[in-house]
Amino acid sequence: MVFGHGSLEEVSFIFDRIGNSLTDMMSEGISMQIAQGKTSQTVVFIRVRWRWLILPLAVHFLGAIALVGTIIGRSRDVPLWKGSALAVLYHSVGKDGVLGTQVRNLEELDRVKSIQVMLEKKK
């Protein structure tokens, strides 16, 4: 390496010093000329496209509303569908592992509702 084992900052500092000294030498010399022109400077520009953010923000907002609604709805002592033993009595698992029911119409459903069942705890 030409500049020894210097870091990037040291090399950048050396080039800045060389540039400044050449500029000073040119502006103070006998053949000084004024140069006119335009300069440019890089600027970081970030554009936010709000149209692309509307859908994710709306989904998060509606999800939060649904969560709050679910929490408020559960606080009114509404029983879960799993909380009833009738769901287990209406359905059975077949030999192939598929959950099914033997109830075919509303009359059979009313008849099944009237059946009294007593569940015992095994000792």
C-alpha atoms as a PDB file:
ATOM      1  CA  MET A   1       0.000   0.000   0.000  1.00  0.00           C
ATOM      2  CA  VAL A   2       1.347   3.445  -0.899  1.00  0.00           C
ATOM      3  CA  PHE A   3       0.332   5.121   2.372  1.00  0.00           C
ATOM      4  CA  GLY A   4       1.561   2.397   4.718  1.00  0.00           C
ATOM      5  CA  HIS A   5      -0.849   0.586   6.968  1.00  0.00           C
ATOM      6  CA  GLY A   6      -3.198   3.532   7.461  1.00  0.00           C
ATOM      7  CA  SER A   7      -6.887   3.268   7.968  1.00  0.00           C
ATOM      8  CA  LEU A   8      -9.483   4.599   5.576  1.00  0.00           C
ATOM      9  CA  GLU A   9      -9.886   7.770   7.648  1.00  0.00           C
ATOM     10  CA  GLU A  10      -6.136   8.479   7.532  1.00  0.00           C
ATOM     11  CA  VAL A  11      -5.985   7.968   3.756  1.00  0.00           C
ATOM     12  CA  SER A  12      -9.034  10.210   3.294  1.00  0.00           C
ATOM     13  CA  PHE A  13      -7.393  12.895   5.466  1.00  0.00           C
ATOM     14  CA  ILE A  14      -4.181  12.724   3.377  1.00  0.00           C
ATOM     15  CA  PHE A  15      -6.125  13.149   0.125  1.00  0.00           C
ATOM     16  CA  ASP A  16      -8.045  16.090   1.605  1.00  0.00           C
ATOM     17  CA  ARG A  17      -4.765  17.777   2.568  1.00  0.00           C
ATOM     18  CA  ILE A  18      -3.310  17.193  -0.920  1.00  0.00           C
ATOM     19  CA  GLY A  19      -6.435  18.664  -2.519  1.00  0.00           C
ATOM     20  CA  ASN A  20      -6.395  21.706  -0.233  1.00  0.00           C
ATOM     21  CA  SER A  21      -2.694  22.361  -0.835  1.00  0.00           C
ATOM     22  CA  LEU A  22      -3.126  22.116  -4.625  1.00  0.00           C
ATOM     23  CA  THR A  23      -6.112  24.489  -4.442  1.00  0.00           C
ATOM     24  CA  ASP A  24      -4.120  26.974  -2.342  1.00  0.00           C
ATOM     25  CA  MET A  25      -1.139  26.734  -4.722  1.00  0.00           C
ATOM     26  CA  MET A  26      -3.344  27.401  -7.752  1.00  0.00           C
ATOM     27  CA  SER A  27      -5.205  30.328  -6.163  1.00  0.00           C
ATOM     28  CA  GLU A  28      -2.045  32.069  -4.873  1.00  0.00           C
ATOM     29  CA  GLY A  29       0.180  31.534  -7.916  1.00  0.00           C
ATOM     30  CA  ILE A  30       1.167  34.016 -10.630  1.00  0.00           C
ATOM     31  CA  SER A  31      -1.114  32.489 -13.228  1.00  0.00           C
ATOM     32  CA  MET A  32      -4.208  32.716 -11.063  1.00  0.00           C
ATOM     33  CA  GLN A  33      -7.461  32.445 -13.005  1.00  0.00           C
ATOM     34  CA  ILE A  34     -10.975  32.656 -11.707  1.00  0.00           C
ATOM     35  CA  ALA A  35     -13.002  29.638 -12.745  1.00  0.00           C
ATOM     36  CA  GLN A  36     -16.728  29.965 -12.937  1.00  0.00           C
ATOM     37  CA  GLY A  37     -19.074  27.042 -12.979  1.00  0.00           C
ATOM     38  CA  LYS A  38     -21.628  25.079 -11.063  1.00  0.00           C
ATOM     39  CA  THR A  39     -21.060  22.644  -8.249  1.00  0.00           C
ATOM     40  CA  SER A  40     -23.094  19.656  -7.257  1.00  0.00           C
ATOM     41  CA  GLN A  41     -23.753  18.074  -3.923  1.00  0.00           C
ATOM     42  CA  THR A  42     -25.374  14.747  -3.172  1.00  0.00           C
ATOM     43  CA  VAL A  43     -28.496  14.840  -1.036  1.00  0.00           C
ATOM     44  CA  VAL A  44     -30.255  11.815   0.432  1.00  0.00           C
ATOM     45  CA  PHE A  45     -33.875  11.836  -0.655  1.00  0.00           C
ATOM     46  CA  ILE A  46     -36.468   9.446   0.742  1.00  0.00           C
ATOM     47  CA  ARG A  47     -39.938   9.359  -0.737  1.00  0.00           C
ATOM     48  CA  VAL A  48     -42.697   7.654   1.208  1.00  0.00           C
ATOM     49  CA  ARG A  49     -45.462   6.258  -0.954  1.00  0.00           C
ATOM     50  CA  TRP A  50     -48.370   6.411   1.423  1.00  0.00           C
ATOM     51  CA  ARG A  51     -50.651   4.458  -0.923  1.00  0.00           C
ATOM     52  CA  TRP A  52     -48.495   1.362  -0.359  1.00  0.00           C
ATOM     53  CA  LEU A  53     -48.804   1.717   3.416  1.00  0.00           C
ATOM     54  CA  ILE A  54     -52.596   2.044   3.585  1.00  0.00           C
ATOM     55  CA  LEU A  55     -53.358  -1.706   3.328  1.00  0.00           C
ATOM     56  CA  PRO A  56     -50.901  -2.927   6.038  1.00  0.00           C
ATOM     57  CA  LEU A  57     -51.915  -0.114   8.374  1.00  0.00           C
ATOM     58  CA  ALA A  58     -55.620  -0.817   7.803  1.00  0.00           C
ATOM     59  CA  VAL A  59     -55.124  -4.555   8.435  1.00  0.00           C
ATOM     60  CA  HIS A  60     -53.306  -3.865  11.709  1.00  0.00           C
ATOM     61  CA  PHE A  61     -55.952  -1.348  12.771  1.00  0.00           C
ATOM     62  CA  LEU A  62     -58.851  -3.713  12.004  1.00  0.00           C
ATOM     63  CA  GLY A  63     -57.014  -6.573  13.729  1.00  0.00           C
ATOM     64  CA  ALA A  64     -56.641  -4.462  16.862  1.00  0.00           C
ATOM     65  CA  ILE A  65     -60.345  -3.609  16.766  1.00  0.00           C
ATOM     66  CA  ALA A  66     -61.223  -7.303  16.382  1.00  0.00           C
ATOM     67  CA  LEU A  67     -58.964  -8.198  19.324  1.00  0.00           C
ATOM     68  CA  VAL A  68     -60.527  -5.576  21.571  1.00  0.00           C
ATOM     69  CA  GLY A  69     -64.013  -6.663  20.465  1.00  0.00           C
ATOM     70  CA  THR A  70     -63.198 -10.292  21.258  1.00  0.00           C
ATOM     71  CA  ILE A  71     -61.867  -9.390  24.695  1.00  0.00           C
ATOM     72  CA  ILE A  72     -64.925  -7.277  25.487  1.00  0.00           C
ATOM     73  CA  GLY A  73     -67.294  -9.938  24.120  1.00  0.00           C
ATOM     74  CA  ARG A  74     -65.706 -12.670  26.273  1.00  0.00           C
ATOM     75  CA  SER A  75     -66.099 -10.563  29.418  1.00  0.00           C
ATOM     76  CA  ARG A  76     -69.920 -10.899  29.258  1.00  0.00           C
ATOM     77  CA  ASP A  77     -69.838 -14.550  30.419  1.00  0.00           C
ATOM     78  CA  VAL A  78     -70.541 -15.885  26.959  1.00  0.00           C
ATOM     79  CA  PRO A  79     -69.814 -19.628  27.065  1.00  0.00           C
ATOM     80  CA  LEU A  80     -67.327 -21.027  24.628  1.00  0.00           C
ATOM     81  CA  TRP A  81     -68.520 -23.658  22.170  1.00  0.00           C
ATOM     82  CA  LYS A  82     -66.105 -26.038  23.888  1.00  0.00           C
ATOM     83  CA  GLY A  83     -67.702 -25.278  27.233  1.00  0.00           C
ATOM     84  CA  SER A  84     -70.762 -27.354  26.447  1.00  0.00           C
ATOM     85  CA  ALA A  85     -70.790 -31.142  26.743  1.00  0.00           C
ATOM     86  CA  LEU A  86     -73.531 -31.322  24.087  1.00  0.00           C
ATOM     87  CA  ALA A  87     -71.048 -30.799  21.266  1.00  0.00           C
ATOM     88  CA  VAL A  88     -69.276 -33.994  22.274  1.00  0.00           C
ATOM     89  CA  LEU A  89     -72.561 -35.897  22.484  1.00  0.00           C
ATOM     90  CA  TYR A  90     -73.675 -34.803  19.003  1.00  0.00           C
ATOM     91  CA  HIS A  91     -70.480 -35.878  17.268  1.00  0.00           C
ATOM     92  CA  SER A  92     -68.290 -38.946  17.182  1.00  0.00           C
ATOM     93  CA  VAL A  93     -65.029 -39.914  15.508  1.00  0.00           C
ATOM     94  CA  GLY A  94     -65.334 -42.615  12.867  1.00  0.00           C
ATOM     95  CA  LYS A  95     -62.897 -45.439  12.078  1.00  0.00           C
ATOM     96  CA  ASP A  96     -61.083 -43.287   9.536  1.00  0.00           C
ATOM     97  CA  GLY A  97     -60.568 -40.459  12.076  1.00  0.00           C
ATOM     98  CA  VAL A  98     -63.193 -38.120  10.621  1.00  0.00           C
ATOM     99  CA  LEU A  99     -65.448 -36.226  13.013  1.00  0.00           C
ATOM    100  CA  GLY A 100     -69.105 -36.838  12.155  1.00  0.00           C
ATOM    101  CA  THR A 101     -72.587 -36.783  13.572  1.00  0.00           C
ATOM    102  CA  GLN A 102     -75.548 -39.134  13.534  1.00  0.00           C
ATOM    103  CA  VAL A 103     -78.103 -36.293  13.723  1.00  0.00           C
ATOM    104  CA  ARG A 104     -79.616 -35.767  10.260  1.00  0.00           C
ATOM    105  CA  ASN A 105     -82.400 -33.196  10.761  1.00  0.00           C
ATOM    106  CA  LEU A 106     -83.880 -30.736  13.265  1.00  0.00           C
ATOM    107  CA  GLU A 107     -86.368 -33.253  14.720  1.00  0.00           C
ATOM    108  CA  GLU A 108     -83.552 -35.608  15.681  1.00  0.00           C
ATOM    109  CA  LEU A 109     -81.649 -32.677  17.154  1.00  0.00           C
ATOM    110  CA  ASP A 110     -84.623 -31.753  19.356  1.00  0.00           C
ATOM    111  CA  ARG A 111     -84.925 -35.406  20.454  1.00  0.00           C
ATOM    112  CA  VAL A 112     -81.221 -35.566  21.347  1.00  0.00           C
ATOM    113  CA  LYS A 113     -81.513 -32.342  23.371  1.00  0.00           C
ATOM    114  CA  SER A 114     -84.166 -33.902  25.559  1.00  0.00           C
ATOM    115  CA  ILE A 115     -81.978 -36.926  26.470  1.00  0.00           C
ATOM    116  CA  GLN A 116     -80.558 -36.586  29.959  1.00  0.00           C
ATOM    117  CA  VAL A 117     -76.970 -37.620  30.438  1.00  0.00           C
ATOM    118  CA  MET A 118     -75.080 -38.012  33.675  1.00  0.00           C
ATOM    119  CA  LEU A 119     -71.311 -37.812  33.556  1.00  0.00           C
ATOM    120  CA  GLU A 120     -69.282 -39.364  36.373  1.00  0.00           C
ATOM    121  CA  LYS A 121     -65.735 -38.724  37.394  1.00  0.00           C
ATOM    122  CA  LYS A 122     -63.528 -41.805  37.296  1.00  0.00           C
ATOM    123  CA  LYS A 123     -61.937 -42.742  40.596  1.00  0.00           C
END
